[in-house]
Amino acid sequence: MIKSQRTLQEYHTTATPDEVIAEAKHFFPLRNSIYASFIEREGPGYVTFRGQGTEELVIAAVADGGGTRVTGSAYLYDMQIARFFTTLPPYQLEEQLLPPGPAVEGASR
């Protein structure tokens, strides 16, 4: 994967935006021993962290189509963001087919 594609990652989950932010606040300071990062700022739907070498890491979450779209951005912490995404419940799009309708005139079976 090209580095520019790793600096901004996106994930869809069934967790609410508030649950995602709470999980991020727990995950990043505690789960990555040498890559620990600490909360710098937070607001509705986002939290930023500072880590090794003043690296900034941003997690944002917004409700989107019955689930939550989560974005993570960092230059050095791409692996930790990907690992964080695996701790969130996945969003699975369920395809609903239309019920069988009346036969179309002249259609062959």
C-alpha atoms as a PDB file:
ATOM      1  CA  MET A   1       0.000   0.000   0.000  1.00  0.00           C
ATOM      2  CA  ILE A   2       1.254   3.477  -0.870  1.00  0.00           C
ATOM      3  CA  LYS A   3       2.166   5.564   2.204  1.00  0.00           C
ATOM      4  CA  SER A   4      -0.292   8.334   1.251  1.00  0.00           C
ATOM      5  CA  GLN A   5      -3.101   5.757   1.348  1.00  0.00           C
ATOM      6  CA  ARG A   6      -2.074   4.683   4.844  1.00  0.00           C
ATOM      7  CA  THR A   7      -2.073   8.166   6.373  1.00  0.00           C
ATOM      8  CA  LEU A   8      -5.870   8.391   6.119  1.00  0.00           C
ATOM      9  CA  GLN A   9      -7.791   5.200   6.809  1.00  0.00           C
ATOM     10  CA  GLU A  10     -11.539   4.612   6.953  1.00  0.00           C
ATOM     11  CA  TYR A  11     -13.683   1.924   8.569  1.00  0.00           C
ATOM     12  CA  HIS A  12     -17.429   1.296   8.969  1.00  0.00           C
ATOM     13  CA  THR A  13     -18.797  -0.099  12.232  1.00  0.00           C
ATOM     14  CA  THR A  14     -22.072  -0.728  14.050  1.00  0.00           C
ATOM     15  CA  ALA A  15     -20.718   1.029  17.161  1.00  0.00           C
ATOM     16  CA  THR A  16     -22.041   4.532  17.785  1.00  0.00           C
ATOM     17  CA  PRO A  17     -19.726   7.532  17.288  1.00  0.00           C
ATOM     18  CA  ASP A  18     -19.565   8.027  21.070  1.00  0.00           C
ATOM     19  CA  GLU A  19     -18.599   4.362  21.585  1.00  0.00           C
ATOM     20  CA  VAL A  20     -15.866   4.649  18.947  1.00  0.00           C
ATOM     21  CA  ILE A  21     -14.354   7.734  20.593  1.00  0.00           C
ATOM     22  CA  ALA A  22     -14.509   6.085  24.037  1.00  0.00           C
ATOM     23  CA  GLU A  23     -12.759   2.985  22.662  1.00  0.00           C
ATOM     24  CA  ALA A  24     -10.065   5.115  21.010  1.00  0.00           C
ATOM     25  CA  LYS A  25      -9.439   6.965  24.288  1.00  0.00           C
ATOM     26  CA  HIS A  26      -8.900   3.599  25.962  1.00  0.00           C
ATOM     27  CA  PHE A  27      -6.980   1.867  23.152  1.00  0.00           C
ATOM     28  CA  PHE A  28      -4.267   4.323  22.131  1.00  0.00           C
ATOM     29  CA  PRO A  29      -2.866   5.347  25.549  1.00  0.00           C
ATOM     30  CA  LEU A  30      -2.889   1.797  26.953  1.00  0.00           C
ATOM     31  CA  ARG A  31      -2.544  -0.849  24.237  1.00  0.00           C
ATOM     32  CA  ASN A  32       0.576   0.197  22.337  1.00  0.00           C
ATOM     33  CA  SER A  33       3.484   0.086  24.777  1.00  0.00           C
ATOM     34  CA  ILE A  34       6.285   1.748  22.779  1.00  0.00           C
ATOM     35  CA  TYR A  35       3.826   3.554  20.526  1.00  0.00           C
ATOM     36  CA  ALA A  36       1.656   4.931  23.315  1.00  0.00           C
ATOM     37  CA  SER A  37      -0.038   8.214  22.576  1.00  0.00           C
ATOM     38  CA  PHE A  38      -1.844  10.559  24.897  1.00  0.00           C
ATOM     39  CA  ILE A  39      -5.039  12.543  24.505  1.00  0.00           C
ATOM     40  CA  GLU A  40      -4.366  16.075  23.377  1.00  0.00           C
ATOM     41  CA  ARG A  41      -7.807  17.401  22.348  1.00  0.00           C
ATOM     42  CA  GLU A  42     -11.306  16.072  21.997  1.00  0.00           C
ATOM     43  CA  GLY A  43     -14.682  17.284  20.919  1.00  0.00           C
ATOM     44  CA  PRO A  44     -17.950  15.948  19.533  1.00  0.00           C
ATOM     45  CA  GLY A  45     -17.034  13.125  17.170  1.00  0.00           C
ATOM     46  CA  TYR A  46     -13.228  13.361  17.329  1.00  0.00           C
ATOM     47  CA  VAL A  47     -10.192  12.914  19.541  1.00  0.00           C
ATOM     48  CA  THR A  48      -6.552  13.782  18.839  1.00  0.00           C
ATOM     49  CA  PHE A  49      -3.514  12.195  20.432  1.00  0.00           C
ATOM     50  CA  ARG A  50       0.185  13.077  20.664  1.00  0.00           C
ATOM     51  CA  GLY A  51       2.763  10.339  20.555  1.00  0.00           C
ATOM     52  CA  GLN A  52       6.370   9.559  19.814  1.00  0.00           C
ATOM     53  CA  GLY A  53       8.242  12.568  18.444  1.00  0.00           C
ATOM     54  CA  THR A  54       5.126  14.758  18.820  1.00  0.00           C
ATOM     55  CA  GLU A  55       3.369  12.655  16.159  1.00  0.00           C
ATOM     56  CA  GLU A  56      -0.321  13.584  15.892  1.00  0.00           C
ATOM     57  CA  LEU A  57      -2.995  10.914  15.546  1.00  0.00           C
ATOM     58  CA  VAL A  58      -6.639  11.803  14.852  1.00  0.00           C
ATOM     59  CA  ILE A  59      -9.704   9.572  15.167  1.00  0.00           C
ATOM     60  CA  ALA A  60     -13.095  10.891  14.032  1.00  0.00           C
ATOM     61  CA  ALA A  61     -16.485   9.171  13.945  1.00  0.00           C
ATOM     62  CA  VAL A  62     -19.776  10.185  12.338  1.00  0.00           C
ATOM     63  CA  ALA A  63     -23.095   8.400  11.918  1.00  0.00           C
ATOM     64  CA  ASP A  64     -23.483   7.204   8.338  1.00  0.00           C
ATOM     65  CA  GLY A  65     -26.282   5.133   6.824  1.00  0.00           C
ATOM     66  CA  GLY A  66     -27.285   3.104   9.874  1.00  0.00           C
ATOM     67  CA  GLY A  67     -23.681   2.642  11.030  1.00  0.00           C
ATOM     68  CA  THR A  68     -20.701   4.784  11.859  1.00  0.00           C
ATOM     69  CA  ARG A  69     -17.911   5.883   9.529  1.00  0.00           C
ATOM     70  CA  VAL A  70     -14.609   6.109  11.388  1.00  0.00           C
ATOM     71  CA  THR A  71     -11.546   7.830   9.986  1.00  0.00           C
ATOM     72  CA  GLY A  72      -8.048   7.659  11.391  1.00  0.00           C
ATOM     73  CA  SER A  73      -5.144   9.800  10.310  1.00  0.00           C
ATOM     74  CA  ALA A  74      -1.468   9.746  11.259  1.00  0.00           C
ATOM     75  CA  TYR A  75       1.881   9.598   9.543  1.00  0.00           C
ATOM     76  CA  LEU A  76       3.646   7.041  11.765  1.00  0.00           C
ATOM     77  CA  TYR A  77       0.741   5.317  13.509  1.00  0.00           C
ATOM     78  CA  ASP A  78      -0.903   3.677  10.483  1.00  0.00           C
ATOM     79  CA  MET A  79      -0.456   0.137  11.853  1.00  0.00           C
ATOM     80  CA  GLN A  80      -1.900   1.098  15.241  1.00  0.00           C
ATOM     81  CA  ILE A  81      -4.923   2.696  13.564  1.00  0.00           C
ATOM     82  CA  ALA A  82      -5.508  -0.444  11.493  1.00  0.00           C
ATOM     83  CA  ARG A  83      -5.218  -2.542  14.654  1.00  0.00           C
ATOM     84  CA  PHE A  84      -7.698  -0.260  16.450  1.00  0.00           C
ATOM     85  CA  PHE A  85     -10.208  -0.721  13.626  1.00  0.00           C
ATOM     86  CA  THR A  86     -10.092  -4.506  14.151  1.00  0.00           C
ATOM     87  CA  THR A  87     -11.327  -4.020  17.727  1.00  0.00           C
ATOM     88  CA  LEU A  88     -14.544  -2.372  16.505  1.00  0.00           C
ATOM     89  CA  PRO A  89     -17.561  -4.432  15.454  1.00  0.00           C
ATOM     90  CA  PRO A  90     -17.783  -4.501  11.643  1.00  0.00           C
ATOM     91  CA  TYR A  91     -20.684  -3.001   9.747  1.00  0.00           C
ATOM     92  CA  GLN A  92     -22.226  -5.505   7.382  1.00  0.00           C
ATOM     93  CA  LEU A  93     -24.402  -4.238   4.597  1.00  0.00           C
ATOM     94  CA  GLU A  94     -27.365  -6.532   4.267  1.00  0.00           C
ATOM     95  CA  GLU A  95     -28.734  -6.667   0.779  1.00  0.00           C
ATOM     96  CA  GLN A  96     -32.475  -6.945   0.597  1.00  0.00           C
ATOM     97  CA  LEU A  97     -33.931  -8.263  -2.596  1.00  0.00           C
ATOM     98  CA  LEU A  98     -37.246  -7.075  -3.937  1.00  0.00           C
ATOM     99  CA  PRO A  99     -40.060  -9.586  -3.593  1.00  0.00           C
ATOM    100  CA  PRO A 100     -40.981 -11.412  -6.805  1.00  0.00           C
ATOM    101  CA  GLY A 101     -43.341  -9.254  -8.831  1.00  0.00           C
ATOM    102  CA  PRO A 102     -45.874 -10.041 -11.524  1.00  0.00           C
ATOM    103  CA  ALA A 103     -44.488 -11.725 -14.616  1.00  0.00           C
ATOM    104  CA  VAL A 104     -43.665  -9.390 -17.476  1.00  0.00           C
ATOM    105  CA  GLU A 105     -45.722 -10.036 -20.598  1.00  0.00           C
ATOM    106  CA  GLY A 106     -43.758 -11.803 -23.270  1.00  0.00           C
ATOM    107  CA  ALA A 107     -40.888 -12.728 -20.973  1.00  0.00           C
ATOM    108  CA  SER A 108     -39.544 -16.209 -21.416  1.00  0.00           C
ATOM    109  CA  ARG A 109     -38.456 -18.409 -18.558  1.00  0.00           C
END
